């Protein structure tokens, strides 16, 4: 294949999933209680598997997993795995963007493992303005005050380092960084991260056929919440609040 043919065949964008290996005690700790660390890890693995499966459906992109830990059988084929580097999440995000761009210098969309309800259509909507040059950044706000997606034309650690992570003001500060740098920012719809029991139920109700919802149902039944199980099976939203 000639250099021109290789360039024509190269992906025009890439999707990065930043994730932790779903090890009990290290993931979804805000779900313990009511669930055990092992149950919380199962939910984390299901959410991650749903997310990776969705990314695998996005056509014409490079797929990257920035992983803290070791990949398991939940990882589908077609992903380049890179290690996370840095102490705080701001450093890890900046490093993931930098490493992905060093591997392929095309626009990047990064998501976490907390939104198993994300669709390939939403990811394509995030990629399009970056790939076309219509936007310099894409920002997906989360209902807890953070963000569920960040897309950049090129890496810039200054856009991320020092942003307070896992705080109510995270999303506002991050968006202000993007806007303050003079970037043209495209906003995406608000989404809910899986953090606690209420948000887990809300997300599972959005995608009742997902691995995540299937993993959550028996755990809710074990808590004596048959109504919640029924709501999830029907795809209702009656369990979006409350423990």
C-alpha atoms as a PDB file:
ATOM      1  CA  UNK A   1       0.000   0.000   0.000  1.00  0.00           C
ATOM      2  CA  UNK A   2       1.354   3.418  -0.918  1.00  0.00           C
ATOM      3  CA  UNK A   3       1.720   6.224   1.621  1.00  0.00           C
ATOM      4  CA  UNK A   4      -1.203   8.049  -0.026  1.00  0.00           C
ATOM      5  CA  UNK A   5      -3.392   4.949   0.209  1.00  0.00           C
ATOM      6  CA  UNK A   6      -2.475   4.435   3.855  1.00  0.00           C
ATOM      7  CA  UNK A   7      -3.352   8.059   4.610  1.00  0.00           C
ATOM      8  CA  UNK A   8      -6.699   7.713   2.829  1.00  0.00           C
ATOM      9  CA  UNK A   9      -7.485   4.543   4.811  1.00  0.00           C
ATOM     10  CA  UNK A  10      -6.491   5.990   8.194  1.00  0.00           C
ATOM     11  CA  UNK A  11      -9.301   6.777  10.646  1.00  0.00           C
ATOM     12  CA  UNK A  12     -10.361  10.405  10.693  1.00  0.00           C
ATOM     13  CA  UNK A  13     -10.977  10.445  14.444  1.00  0.00           C
ATOM     14  CA  UNK A  14     -10.548   8.299  17.525  1.00  0.00           C
ATOM     15  CA  UNK A  15     -12.641   7.427  20.558  1.00  0.00           C
ATOM     16  CA  UNK A  16     -10.861   6.968  23.879  1.00  0.00           C
ATOM     17  CA  UNK A  17     -12.452   5.123  26.784  1.00  0.00           C
ATOM     18  CA  UNK A  18     -10.712   5.861  30.080  1.00  0.00           C
ATOM     19  CA  UNK A  19     -11.390   3.138  32.622  1.00  0.00           C
ATOM     20  CA  UNK A  20     -10.243   1.219  35.661  1.00  0.00           C
ATOM     21  CA  UNK A  21     -10.002  -2.550  35.711  1.00  0.00           C
ATOM     22  CA  UNK A  22     -13.217  -3.571  37.541  1.00  0.00           C
ATOM     23  CA  UNK A  23     -11.593  -4.914  40.711  1.00  0.00           C
ATOM     24  CA  UNK A  24     -13.677  -5.157  43.917  1.00  0.00           C
ATOM     25  CA  UNK A  25     -12.889  -2.306  46.257  1.00  0.00           C
ATOM     26  CA  UNK A  26     -11.409  -0.092  43.523  1.00  0.00           C
ATOM     27  CA  UNK A  27     -14.476   0.757  41.439  1.00  0.00           C
ATOM     28  CA  UNK A  28     -17.964   2.116  42.161  1.00  0.00           C
ATOM     29  CA  UNK A  29     -17.185   2.565  45.852  1.00  0.00           C
ATOM     30  CA  UNK A  30     -20.199   4.868  46.265  1.00  0.00           C
ATOM     31  CA  UNK A  31     -22.361   1.793  45.649  1.00  0.00           C
ATOM     32  CA  UNK A  32     -20.916   0.080  48.742  1.00  0.00           C
ATOM     33  CA  UNK A  33     -23.247   0.037  50.578  1.00  0.00           C
ATOM     34  CA  UNK A  34     -25.908  -1.004  49.657  1.00  0.00           C
ATOM     35  CA  UNK A  35     -23.993  -3.480  47.493  1.00  0.00           C
ATOM     36  CA  UNK A  36     -20.877  -5.465  48.317  1.00  0.00           C
ATOM     37  CA  UNK A  37     -17.546  -4.522  46.676  1.00  0.00           C
ATOM     38  CA  UNK A  38     -17.849  -7.616  44.471  1.00  0.00           C
ATOM     39  CA  UNK A  39     -21.344  -6.608  43.334  1.00  0.00           C
ATOM     40  CA  UNK A  40     -20.170  -3.058  42.657  1.00  0.00           C
ATOM     41  CA  UNK A  41     -17.313  -4.439  40.556  1.00  0.00           C
ATOM     42  CA  UNK A  42     -19.785  -6.539  38.562  1.00  0.00           C
ATOM     43  CA  UNK A  43     -21.819  -3.437  37.831  1.00  0.00           C
ATOM     44  CA  UNK A  44     -18.668  -1.565  36.817  1.00  0.00           C
ATOM     45  CA  UNK A  45     -17.666  -4.392  34.482  1.00  0.00           C
ATOM     46  CA  UNK A  46     -21.124  -4.455  32.908  1.00  0.00           C
ATOM     47  CA  UNK A  47     -21.074  -0.676  32.382  1.00  0.00           C
ATOM     48  CA  UNK A  48     -17.620  -0.880  30.854  1.00  0.00           C
ATOM     49  CA  UNK A  49     -18.624  -3.760  28.570  1.00  0.00           C
ATOM     50  CA  UNK A  50     -21.691  -1.807  27.375  1.00  0.00           C
ATOM     51  CA  UNK A  51     -19.545   1.255  26.699  1.00  0.00           C
ATOM     52  CA  UNK A  52     -16.886  -0.665  24.781  1.00  0.00           C
ATOM     53  CA  UNK A  53     -19.535  -2.465  22.719  1.00  0.00           C
ATOM     54  CA  UNK A  54     -21.045   0.894  21.762  1.00  0.00           C
ATOM     55  CA  UNK A  55     -17.664   2.335  20.795  1.00  0.00           C
ATOM     56  CA  UNK A  56     -17.015  -0.779  18.705  1.00  0.00           C
ATOM     57  CA  UNK A  57     -20.103   0.124  16.633  1.00  0.00           C
ATOM     58  CA  UNK A  58     -18.787   3.582  15.670  1.00  0.00           C
ATOM     59  CA  UNK A  59     -17.487   3.289  12.100  1.00  0.00           C
ATOM     60  CA  UNK A  60     -14.247   4.668  10.736  1.00  0.00           C
ATOM     61  CA  UNK A  61     -12.517   5.521  14.006  1.00  0.00           C
ATOM     62  CA  UNK A  62      -9.527   4.327  15.968  1.00  0.00           C
ATOM     63  CA  UNK A  63     -10.649   2.819  19.274  1.00  0.00           C
ATOM     64  CA  UNK A  64      -8.453   3.313  22.325  1.00  0.00           C
ATOM     65  CA  UNK A  65      -8.788   2.045  25.889  1.00  0.00           C
ATOM     66  CA  UNK A  66      -6.764   4.062  28.420  1.00  0.00           C
ATOM     67  CA  UNK A  67      -6.689   1.499  31.200  1.00  0.00           C
ATOM     68  CA  UNK A  68      -5.655   1.521  34.842  1.00  0.00           C
ATOM     69  CA  UNK A  69      -5.041  -2.187  35.352  1.00  0.00           C
ATOM     70  CA  UNK A  70      -5.178  -5.255  33.147  1.00  0.00           C
ATOM     71  CA  UNK A  71      -7.676  -6.000  30.391  1.00  0.00           C
ATOM     72  CA  UNK A  72     -10.062  -8.947  30.818  1.00  0.00           C
ATOM     73  CA  UNK A  73     -12.489 -10.870  28.660  1.00  0.00           C
ATOM     74  CA  UNK A  74     -14.789  -7.837  28.725  1.00  0.00           C
ATOM     75  CA  UNK A  75     -12.525  -6.132  26.136  1.00  0.00           C
ATOM     76  CA  UNK A  76     -13.735  -6.691  22.554  1.00  0.00           C
ATOM     77  CA  UNK A  77     -11.266  -6.899  19.651  1.00  0.00           C
ATOM     78  CA  UNK A  78     -10.245  -3.793  17.760  1.00  0.00           C
ATOM     79  CA  UNK A  79      -9.044  -1.617  20.643  1.00  0.00           C
ATOM     80  CA  UNK A  80      -5.555  -0.240  21.182  1.00  0.00           C
ATOM     81  CA  UNK A  81      -4.825  -0.418  24.912  1.00  0.00           C
ATOM     82  CA  UNK A  82      -2.653   2.259  26.511  1.00  0.00           C
ATOM     83  CA  UNK A  83      -1.724   2.618  30.169  1.00  0.00           C
ATOM     84  CA  UNK A  84      -2.928   5.524  32.260  1.00  0.00           C
ATOM     85  CA  UNK A  85      -0.305   7.878  33.659  1.00  0.00           C
ATOM     86  CA  UNK A  86      -0.558  10.583  36.299  1.00  0.00           C
ATOM     87  CA  UNK A  87      -1.789  10.928  39.840  1.00  0.00           C
ATOM     88  CA  UNK A  88      -5.059  12.853  39.761  1.00  0.00           C
ATOM     89  CA  UNK A  89      -7.780  12.370  37.174  1.00  0.00           C
ATOM     90  CA  UNK A  90      -6.892  15.675  35.511  1.00  0.00           C
ATOM     91  CA  UNK A  91      -3.366  14.377  34.872  1.00  0.00           C
ATOM     92  CA  UNK A  92      -4.672  11.027  33.647  1.00  0.00           C
ATOM     93  CA  UNK A  93      -7.076  12.638  31.211  1.00  0.00           C
ATOM     94  CA  UNK A  94      -4.386  14.937  29.849  1.00  0.00           C
ATOM     95  CA  UNK A  95      -1.984  11.997  29.479  1.00  0.00           C
ATOM     96  CA  UNK A  96      -4.611   9.880  27.704  1.00  0.00           C
ATOM     97  CA  UNK A  97      -5.254  12.621  25.148  1.00  0.00           C
ATOM     98  CA  UNK A  98      -1.516  13.072  24.620  1.00  0.00           C
ATOM     99  CA  UNK A  99      -0.766   9.364  24.212  1.00  0.00           C
ATOM    100  CA  UNK A 100      -3.701   8.771  21.863  1.00  0.00           C
ATOM    101  CA  UNK A 101      -2.720  11.719  19.674  1.00  0.00           C
ATOM    102  CA  UNK A 102       0.905  10.542  19.593  1.00  0.00           C
ATOM    103  CA  UNK A 103      -0.354   7.239  18.196  1.00  0.00           C
ATOM    104  CA  UNK A 104      -2.570   8.890  15.591  1.00  0.00           C
ATOM    105  CA  UNK A 105      -2.767  12.643  15.044  1.00  0.00           C
ATOM    106  CA  UNK A 106      -6.509  12.982  14.477  1.00  0.00           C
ATOM    107  CA  UNK A 107      -9.308  14.511  16.614  1.00  0.00           C
ATOM    108  CA  UNK A 108     -10.209  12.675  19.819  1.00  0.00           C
ATOM    109  CA  UNK A 109     -13.385  12.029  21.782  1.00  0.00           C
ATOM    110  CA  UNK A 110     -12.928  10.719  25.323  1.00  0.00           C
ATOM    111  CA  UNK A 111     -15.551   9.098  27.546  1.00  0.00           C
ATOM    112  CA  UNK A 112     -15.459   7.160  30.796  1.00  0.00           C
ATOM    113  CA  UNK A 113     -17.013   3.892  31.948  1.00  0.00           C
ATOM    114  CA  UNK A 114     -19.917   5.480  33.840  1.00  0.00           C
ATOM    115  CA  UNK A 115     -22.401   6.055  31.004  1.00  0.00           C
ATOM    116  CA  UNK A 116     -23.487   2.642  29.676  1.00  0.00           C
ATOM    117  CA  UNK A 117     -26.515   4.362  28.131  1.00  0.00           C
ATOM    118  CA  UNK A 118     -24.327   6.210  25.587  1.00  0.00           C
ATOM    119  CA  UNK A 119     -25.232   5.428  21.973  1.00  0.00           C
ATOM    120  CA  UNK A 120     -23.032   5.233  18.900  1.00  0.00           C
ATOM    121  CA  UNK A 121     -25.206   7.990  17.438  1.00  0.00           C
ATOM    122  CA  UNK A 122     -24.223  10.336  20.243  1.00  0.00           C
ATOM    123  CA  UNK A 123     -20.564   9.492  19.759  1.00  0.00           C
ATOM    124  CA  UNK A 124     -20.852  10.125  16.035  1.00  0.00           C
ATOM    125  CA  UNK A 125     -22.507  13.466  16.803  1.00  0.00           C
ATOM    126  CA  UNK A 126     -19.497  14.339  18.964  1.00  0.00           C
ATOM    127  CA  UNK A 127     -17.009  13.295  16.299  1.00  0.00           C
ATOM    128  CA  UNK A 128     -18.558  15.072  13.311  1.00  0.00           C
ATOM    129  CA  UNK A 129     -17.857  18.709  14.247  1.00  0.00           C
ATOM    130  CA  UNK A 130     -14.286  17.853  15.226  1.00  0.00           C
ATOM    131  CA  UNK A 131     -13.567  15.843  12.091  1.00  0.00           C
ATOM    132  CA  UNK A 132     -15.085  18.512   9.848  1.00  0.00           C
ATOM    133  CA  UNK A 133     -13.288  21.366  11.593  1.00  0.00           C
ATOM    134  CA  UNK A 134     -16.572  22.992  12.630  1.00  0.00           C
ATOM    135  CA  UNK A 135     -15.569  22.862  16.319  1.00  0.00           C
ATOM    136  CA  UNK A 136     -12.353  22.795  18.323  1.00  0.00           C
ATOM    137  CA  UNK A 137     -13.866  20.960  21.287  1.00  0.00           C
ATOM    138  CA  UNK A 138     -16.981  19.020  22.217  1.00  0.00           C
ATOM    139  CA  UNK A 139     -18.355  18.949  25.750  1.00  0.00           C
ATOM    140  CA  UNK A 140     -20.937  16.605  27.247  1.00  0.00           C
ATOM    141  CA  UNK A 141     -22.219  17.843  30.638  1.00  0.00           C
ATOM    142  CA  UNK A 142     -23.276  15.374  33.345  1.00  0.00           C
ATOM    143  CA  UNK A 143     -26.207  15.789  35.699  1.00  0.00           C
ATOM    144  CA  UNK A 144     -23.949  15.616  38.764  1.00  0.00           C
ATOM    145  CA  UNK A 145     -22.060  18.742  37.687  1.00  0.00           C
ATOM    146  CA  UNK A 146     -19.232  16.931  35.920  1.00  0.00           C
ATOM    147  CA  UNK A 147     -18.912  15.905  32.299  1.00  0.00           C
ATOM    148  CA  UNK A 148     -19.382  12.587  30.522  1.00  0.00           C
ATOM    149  CA  UNK A 149     -17.559  13.383  27.269  1.00  0.00           C
ATOM    150  CA  UNK A 150     -14.753  15.648  26.176  1.00  0.00           C
ATOM    151  CA  UNK A 151     -13.599  15.960  22.587  1.00  0.00           C
ATOM    152  CA  UNK A 152     -10.534  17.848  21.358  1.00  0.00           C
ATOM    153  CA  UNK A 153      -8.952  18.532  18.000  1.00  0.00           C
ATOM    154  CA  UNK A 154      -5.500  18.163  19.562  1.00  0.00           C
ATOM    155  CA  UNK A 155      -4.100  17.596  23.062  1.00  0.00           C
ATOM    156  CA  UNK A 156      -3.435  20.539  25.334  1.00  0.00           C
ATOM    157  CA  UNK A 157      -2.617  19.682  28.975  1.00  0.00           C
ATOM    158  CA  UNK A 158      -3.365  23.278  29.963  1.00  0.00           C
ATOM    159  CA  UNK A 159      -7.047  22.656  29.235  1.00  0.00           C
ATOM    160  CA  UNK A 160      -7.232  19.940  31.917  1.00  0.00           C
ATOM    161  CA  UNK A 161      -4.496  20.236  34.514  1.00  0.00           C
ATOM    162  CA  UNK A 162      -5.772  21.808  37.715  1.00  0.00           C
ATOM    163  CA  UNK A 163      -9.465  21.319  36.936  1.00  0.00           C
ATOM    164  CA  UNK A 164     -11.038  19.988  40.174  1.00  0.00           C
ATOM    165  CA  UNK A 165     -12.346  16.526  39.428  1.00  0.00           C
ATOM    166  CA  UNK A 166     -15.284  14.670  41.025  1.00  0.00           C
ATOM    167  CA  UNK A 167     -16.675  17.941  42.374  1.00  0.00           C
ATOM    168  CA  UNK A 168     -19.990  19.735  41.771  1.00  0.00           C
ATOM    169  CA  UNK A 169     -18.165  22.466  39.846  1.00  0.00           C
ATOM    170  CA  UNK A 170     -16.056  20.163  37.649  1.00  0.00           C
ATOM    171  CA  UNK A 171     -18.100  20.635  34.497  1.00  0.00           C
ATOM    172  CA  UNK A 172     -18.404  24.394  34.868  1.00  0.00           C
ATOM    173  CA  UNK A 173     -14.671  24.809  35.421  1.00  0.00           C
ATOM    174  CA  UNK A 174     -13.811  22.512  32.522  1.00  0.00           C
ATOM    175  CA  UNK A 175     -16.160  24.302  30.152  1.00  0.00           C
ATOM    176  CA  UNK A 176     -14.739  27.651  31.264  1.00  0.00           C
ATOM    177  CA  UNK A 177     -11.244  26.389  30.446  1.00  0.00           C
ATOM    178  CA  UNK A 178     -12.319  25.487  26.933  1.00  0.00           C
ATOM    179  CA  UNK A 179     -14.154  28.745  26.337  1.00  0.00           C
ATOM    180  CA  UNK A 180     -11.387  30.790  27.971  1.00  0.00           C
ATOM    181  CA  UNK A 181      -8.873  29.314  25.544  1.00  0.00           C
ATOM    182  CA  UNK A 182     -10.912  30.722  22.682  1.00  0.00           C
ATOM    183  CA  UNK A 183     -12.051  27.326  21.452  1.00  0.00           C
ATOM    184  CA  UNK A 184     -15.236  26.820  19.486  1.00  0.00           C
ATOM    185  CA  UNK A 185     -17.101  24.394  21.752  1.00  0.00           C
ATOM    186  CA  UNK A 186     -20.016  22.208  20.702  1.00  0.00           C
ATOM    187  CA  UNK A 187     -22.230  21.082  23.587  1.00  0.00           C
ATOM    188  CA  UNK A 188     -23.888  17.675  23.746  1.00  0.00           C
ATOM    189  CA  UNK A 189     -27.033  16.658  25.684  1.00  0.00           C
ATOM    190  CA  UNK A 190     -26.917  16.231  29.447  1.00  0.00           C
ATOM    191  CA  UNK A 191     -26.359  12.658  30.610  1.00  0.00           C
ATOM    192  CA  UNK A 192     -26.274  10.888  33.996  1.00  0.00           C
ATOM    193  CA  UNK A 193     -23.165   9.138  35.303  1.00  0.00           C
ATOM    194  CA  UNK A 194     -23.531   5.992  37.385  1.00  0.00           C
ATOM    195  CA  UNK A 195     -22.327   7.095  40.812  1.00  0.00           C
ATOM    196  CA  UNK A 196     -24.766   5.906  43.463  1.00  0.00           C
ATOM    197  CA  UNK A 197     -27.875   3.729  43.726  1.00  0.00           C
ATOM    198  CA  UNK A 198     -30.278   6.390  42.469  1.00  0.00           C
ATOM    199  CA  UNK A 199     -28.207   7.174  39.394  1.00  0.00           C
ATOM    200  CA  UNK A 200     -27.606   3.454  38.744  1.00  0.00           C
ATOM    201  CA  UNK A 201     -31.364   2.850  38.704  1.00  0.00           C
ATOM    202  CA  UNK A 202     -31.982   5.870  36.489  1.00  0.00           C
ATOM    203  CA  UNK A 203     -29.388   4.792  33.948  1.00  0.00           C
ATOM    204  CA  UNK A 204     -30.521   1.160  33.914  1.00  0.00           C
ATOM    205  CA  UNK A 205     -34.098   2.301  33.295  1.00  0.00           C
ATOM    206  CA  UNK A 206     -32.897   4.182  30.199  1.00  0.00           C
ATOM    207  CA  UNK A 207     -31.332   1.030  28.762  1.00  0.00           C
ATOM    208  CA  UNK A 208     -33.267  -1.948  30.197  1.00  0.00           C
ATOM    209  CA  UNK A 209     -31.755  -4.321  27.631  1.00  0.00           C
ATOM    210  CA  UNK A 210     -28.164  -3.492  28.548  1.00  0.00           C
ATOM    211  CA  UNK A 211     -25.622  -5.639  30.371  1.00  0.00           C
ATOM    212  CA  UNK A 212     -25.684  -3.019  33.112  1.00  0.00           C
ATOM    213  CA  UNK A 213     -29.440  -3.292  33.685  1.00  0.00           C
ATOM    214  CA  UNK A 214     -29.239  -7.103  33.593  1.00  0.00           C
ATOM    215  CA  UNK A 215     -26.537  -7.036  36.267  1.00  0.00           C
ATOM    216  CA  UNK A 216     -28.455  -4.580  38.446  1.00  0.00           C
ATOM    217  CA  UNK A 217     -31.833  -6.364  38.491  1.00  0.00           C
ATOM    218  CA  UNK A 218     -30.887  -9.331  40.715  1.00  0.00           C
ATOM    219  CA  UNK A 219     -28.993  -7.009  43.044  1.00  0.00           C
ATOM    220  CA  UNK A 220     -32.076  -4.853  43.493  1.00  0.00           C
ATOM    221  CA  UNK A 221     -34.130  -7.983  44.110  1.00  0.00           C
ATOM    222  CA  UNK A 222     -31.638  -8.928  46.804  1.00  0.00           C
ATOM    223  CA  UNK A 223     -32.325  -5.596  48.470  1.00  0.00           C
ATOM    224  CA  UNK A 224     -36.039  -6.417  48.502  1.00  0.00           C
ATOM    225  CA  UNK A 225     -36.990  -3.985  45.750  1.00  0.00           C
ATOM    226  CA  UNK A 226     -39.267  -6.014  43.441  1.00  0.00           C
ATOM    227  CA  UNK A 227     -41.000  -2.841  42.229  1.00  0.00           C
ATOM    228  CA  UNK A 228     -37.649  -1.473  41.069  1.00  0.00           C
ATOM    229  CA  UNK A 229     -36.916  -4.723  39.249  1.00  0.00           C
ATOM    230  CA  UNK A 230     -40.259  -4.509  37.487  1.00  0.00           C
ATOM    231  CA  UNK A 231     -39.682  -0.898  36.505  1.00  0.00           C
ATOM    232  CA  UNK A 232     -36.332  -1.768  34.986  1.00  0.00           C
ATOM    233  CA  UNK A 233     -37.794  -4.700  33.091  1.00  0.00           C
ATOM    234  CA  UNK A 234     -40.452  -2.405  31.645  1.00  0.00           C
ATOM    235  CA  UNK A 235     -37.980   0.367  30.918  1.00  0.00           C
ATOM    236  CA  UNK A 236     -39.800   2.762  33.226  1.00  0.00           C
ATOM    237  CA  UNK A 237     -38.281   5.659  35.146  1.00  0.00           C
ATOM    238  CA  UNK A 238     -39.981   5.152  38.515  1.00  0.00           C
ATOM    239  CA  UNK A 239     -36.732   4.211  40.268  1.00  0.00           C
ATOM    240  CA  UNK A 240     -34.704   7.287  39.458  1.00  0.00           C
ATOM    241  CA  UNK A 241     -34.809   8.559  43.018  1.00  0.00           C
ATOM    242  CA  UNK A 242     -34.447   7.099  46.433  1.00  0.00           C
ATOM    243  CA  UNK A 243     -32.370   4.326  47.990  1.00  0.00           C
END
